[in-house]
Amino acid sequence: MVSDEEVAYAILEPHFDAVRDVFADYEPEPGHALVKLNGTKLLVDSAVRDSQRHFAACRDDGLLIVLAPQAAYLDHNTLVPLICHEFGHAADFLYPARWELRRNRPAIWVPEGAPKMAKRRNAWNARNDDSVEWAADSIAQAVVGRPIQYCGPCMLQCFSGGQPRPSNLR
């Protein structure tokens, strides 16, 4: 018998792969694609669903995104932005301090060797939870060209019909 996680994986994997391809092929500067994202893997695990609004998580090394099996039943306007948000985290973690993060606006890539990189890394390491979440949305917006918004009673990611991520949303 096939498990719920296996069925969900079969549904979620094509969406995950498509979003990963968009992110990994993105060139924030000419000739510099985000190829490290090709190493980001998908795990479907119900343990990530620890509240009504949690369907996904990204490990802090950027190499694993976990989706709850229930994510397979989200509509497309929620599932794809949710995966984009998680890949925003992955890009942030795999390329630390390489993004100028702008709340509710697209992130800007910071070239290698930019001035004050050590100061940028210290600030990156000292971010609070809201800053990390806003960074994921800002990076996702830079890559896909659409702002990540938050919709519905659980404030899940969406591309339209929502609002910017509020402070303290967990």
Protein backbone atom coordinates (compact mmCIF):
# COMPACT_ATOMS: atom_id res chain seq x y z
CA MET A 1 0.00 0.00 0.00
CA VAL A 2 1.20 3.50 -0.86
CA SER A 3 1.55 5.91 2.07
CA ASP A 4 0.02 9.39 2.22
CA GLU A 5 3.54 10.85 2.07
CA GLU A 6 4.30 8.92 -1.14
CA VAL A 7 1.09 10.12 -2.80
CA ALA A 8 1.78 13.68 -1.68
CA TYR A 9 5.38 13.46 -2.93
CA ALA A 10 4.12 12.42 -6.37
CA ILE A 11 1.86 15.48 -6.45
CA LEU A 12 4.31 17.97 -4.94
CA GLU A 13 7.55 16.98 -6.68
CA PRO A 14 6.72 18.48 -10.12
CA HIS A 15 5.84 21.83 -8.50
CA PHE A 16 8.98 21.72 -6.35
CA ASP A 17 11.17 20.86 -9.36
CA ALA A 18 9.66 23.63 -11.49
CA VAL A 19 10.21 26.26 -8.81
CA ARG A 20 13.74 24.97 -8.11
CA ASP A 21 14.56 25.26 -11.82
CA VAL A 22 13.35 28.87 -11.94
CA PHE A 23 15.42 29.78 -8.87
CA ALA A 24 18.56 27.85 -9.90
CA ASP A 25 18.51 29.38 -13.40
CA TYR A 26 18.00 32.92 -12.11
CA GLU A 27 21.01 35.15 -12.77
CA PRO A 28 21.10 38.01 -10.28
CA GLU A 29 24.12 39.22 -12.25
CA PRO A 30 25.11 38.17 -15.77
CA GLY A 31 26.78 34.78 -15.81
CA HIS A 32 26.03 34.06 -12.13
CA ALA A 33 23.08 31.67 -11.79
CA LEU A 34 22.01 30.43 -8.36
CA VAL A 35 23.31 26.92 -9.13
CA LYS A 36 23.75 25.93 -5.47
CA LEU A 37 19.95 25.64 -5.38
CA ASN A 38 20.17 22.61 -7.64
CA GLY A 39 21.29 20.74 -4.52
CA THR A 40 18.15 21.61 -2.55
CA LYS A 41 16.11 18.47 -1.97
CA LEU A 42 12.45 17.84 -1.18
CA LEU A 43 11.21 15.86 1.81
CA VAL A 44 7.51 15.26 2.43
CA ASP A 45 6.92 14.81 6.14
CA SER A 46 3.84 15.44 8.27
CA ALA A 47 6.04 16.53 11.21
CA VAL A 48 6.41 19.99 9.64
CA ARG A 49 2.67 20.60 10.11
CA ASP A 50 2.84 21.76 13.71
CA SER A 51 0.10 24.40 13.35
CA GLN A 52 -2.80 25.26 11.04
CA ARG A 53 -0.64 27.56 8.93
CA HIS A 54 2.56 25.50 8.71
CA PHE A 55 2.86 23.52 5.52
CA ALA A 56 6.59 23.91 4.85
CA ALA A 57 10.04 24.67 6.20
CA CYS A 58 13.54 25.14 4.88
CA ARG A 59 16.54 23.80 6.75
CA ASP A 60 18.98 26.57 7.64
CA ASP A 61 21.65 25.26 5.27
CA GLY A 62 19.27 25.74 2.31
CA LEU A 63 19.68 22.16 1.13
CA LEU A 64 16.37 20.71 2.32
CA ILE A 65 12.80 21.92 1.98
CA VAL A 66 10.17 19.98 3.88
CA LEU A 67 6.56 20.05 2.74
CA ALA A 68 3.66 18.60 4.70
CA PRO A 69 1.62 15.98 2.81
CA GLN A 70 -1.39 18.27 3.21
CA ALA A 71 0.33 20.83 0.97
CA ALA A 72 -0.63 18.59 -1.95
CA TYR A 73 -4.24 19.71 -1.43
CA LEU A 74 -3.57 23.45 -1.46
CA ASP A 75 -4.72 25.37 -4.50
CA HIS A 76 -2.14 26.46 -7.05
CA ASN A 77 -2.31 30.13 -5.96
CA THR A 78 -1.14 29.02 -2.51
CA LEU A 79 1.14 26.06 -3.22
CA VAL A 80 3.44 27.74 -5.75
CA PRO A 81 3.99 30.95 -3.69
CA LEU A 82 4.58 28.78 -0.60
CA ILE A 83 7.31 26.84 -2.43
CA CYS A 84 8.72 30.11 -3.83
CA HIS A 85 8.91 31.48 -0.28
CA GLU A 86 10.82 28.37 0.86
CA PHE A 87 13.23 28.70 -2.06
CA GLY A 88 13.66 32.34 -1.02
CA HIS A 89 14.92 30.96 2.30
CA ALA A 90 17.16 28.45 0.52
CA ALA A 91 18.69 31.20 -1.66
CA ASP A 92 19.19 33.35 1.44
CA PHE A 93 20.88 30.53 3.37
CA LEU A 94 23.02 29.28 0.46
CA TYR A 95 24.14 32.80 -0.45
CA PRO A 96 24.39 34.51 2.96
CA ALA A 97 24.64 38.30 3.03
CA ARG A 98 24.57 38.40 -0.79
CA TRP A 99 21.15 40.05 -0.96
CA GLU A 100 20.15 43.60 -0.10
CA LEU A 101 16.83 42.79 1.46
CA ARG A 102 13.97 45.21 1.11
CA ARG A 103 10.72 44.57 2.90
CA ASN A 104 7.83 44.25 0.44
CA ARG A 105 10.13 44.89 -2.52
CA PRO A 106 12.45 42.70 -4.59
CA ALA A 107 15.85 41.94 -3.09
CA ILE A 108 18.94 43.24 -4.86
CA TRP A 109 21.96 40.98 -5.39
CA VAL A 110 25.21 42.13 -3.81
CA PRO A 111 28.22 41.14 -5.94
CA GLU A 112 31.09 39.16 -4.43
CA GLY A 113 33.74 41.49 -3.06
CA ALA A 114 31.32 44.35 -2.47
CA PRO A 115 32.47 46.86 0.15
CA LYS A 116 31.70 46.13 3.79
CA MET A 117 30.94 42.43 3.19
CA ALA A 118 32.11 41.51 6.71
CA LYS A 119 29.69 44.06 8.16
CA ARG A 120 26.92 42.64 5.95
CA ARG A 121 27.64 39.09 7.18
CA ASN A 122 27.50 40.23 10.82
CA ALA A 123 24.15 41.92 10.20
CA TRP A 124 22.90 38.82 8.35
CA ASN A 125 23.80 36.63 11.33
CA ALA A 126 22.05 38.98 13.77
CA ARG A 127 18.65 39.08 12.01
CA ASN A 128 15.43 38.45 13.91
CA ASP A 129 12.71 36.00 12.79
CA ASP A 130 10.68 38.66 10.98
CA SER A 131 13.73 39.80 9.01
CA VAL A 132 14.47 36.22 7.92
CA GLU A 133 10.87 35.77 6.73
CA TRP A 134 10.77 39.12 4.94
CA ALA A 135 14.08 38.20 3.28
CA ALA A 136 12.57 35.01 1.86
CA ASP A 137 9.69 37.00 0.36
CA SER A 138 12.00 39.71 -0.97
CA ILE A 139 14.29 37.16 -2.66
CA ALA A 140 11.33 35.23 -4.07
CA GLN A 141 9.94 38.45 -5.52
CA ALA A 142 13.30 39.25 -7.14
CA VAL A 143 13.39 35.81 -8.76
CA VAL A 144 9.78 35.30 -9.87
CA GLY A 145 8.85 38.95 -10.38
CA ARG A 146 5.71 38.74 -8.26
CA PRO A 147 5.32 39.78 -4.63
CA ILE A 148 4.55 37.09 -2.07
CA GLN A 149 1.40 38.09 -0.22
CA TYR A 150 -0.52 36.50 2.65
CA CYS A 151 -4.16 35.43 2.31
CA GLY A 152 -7.02 33.90 4.19
CA PRO A 153 -7.62 33.22 7.86
CA CYS A 154 -4.34 31.29 8.22
CA MET A 155 -2.35 33.94 6.32
CA LEU A 156 -0.84 31.53 3.81
CA GLN A 157 1.37 32.67 0.93
CA CYS A 158 -0.38 33.75 -2.26
CA PHE A 159 0.43 35.78 -5.38
CA SER A 160 -2.72 37.90 -5.40
CA GLY A 161 -5.60 38.99 -3.21
CA GLY A 162 -3.57 39.26 -0.02
CA GLN A 163 -1.44 41.64 1.97
CA PRO A 164 2.28 41.92 2.79
CA ARG A 165 3.54 39.64 5.54
CA PRO A 166 2.70 41.15 8.92
CA SER A 167 5.15 41.27 11.81
CA ASN A 168 5.18 38.33 14.22
CA LEU A 169 3.44 35.90 11.84
CA ARG A 170 4.57 32.40 12.83
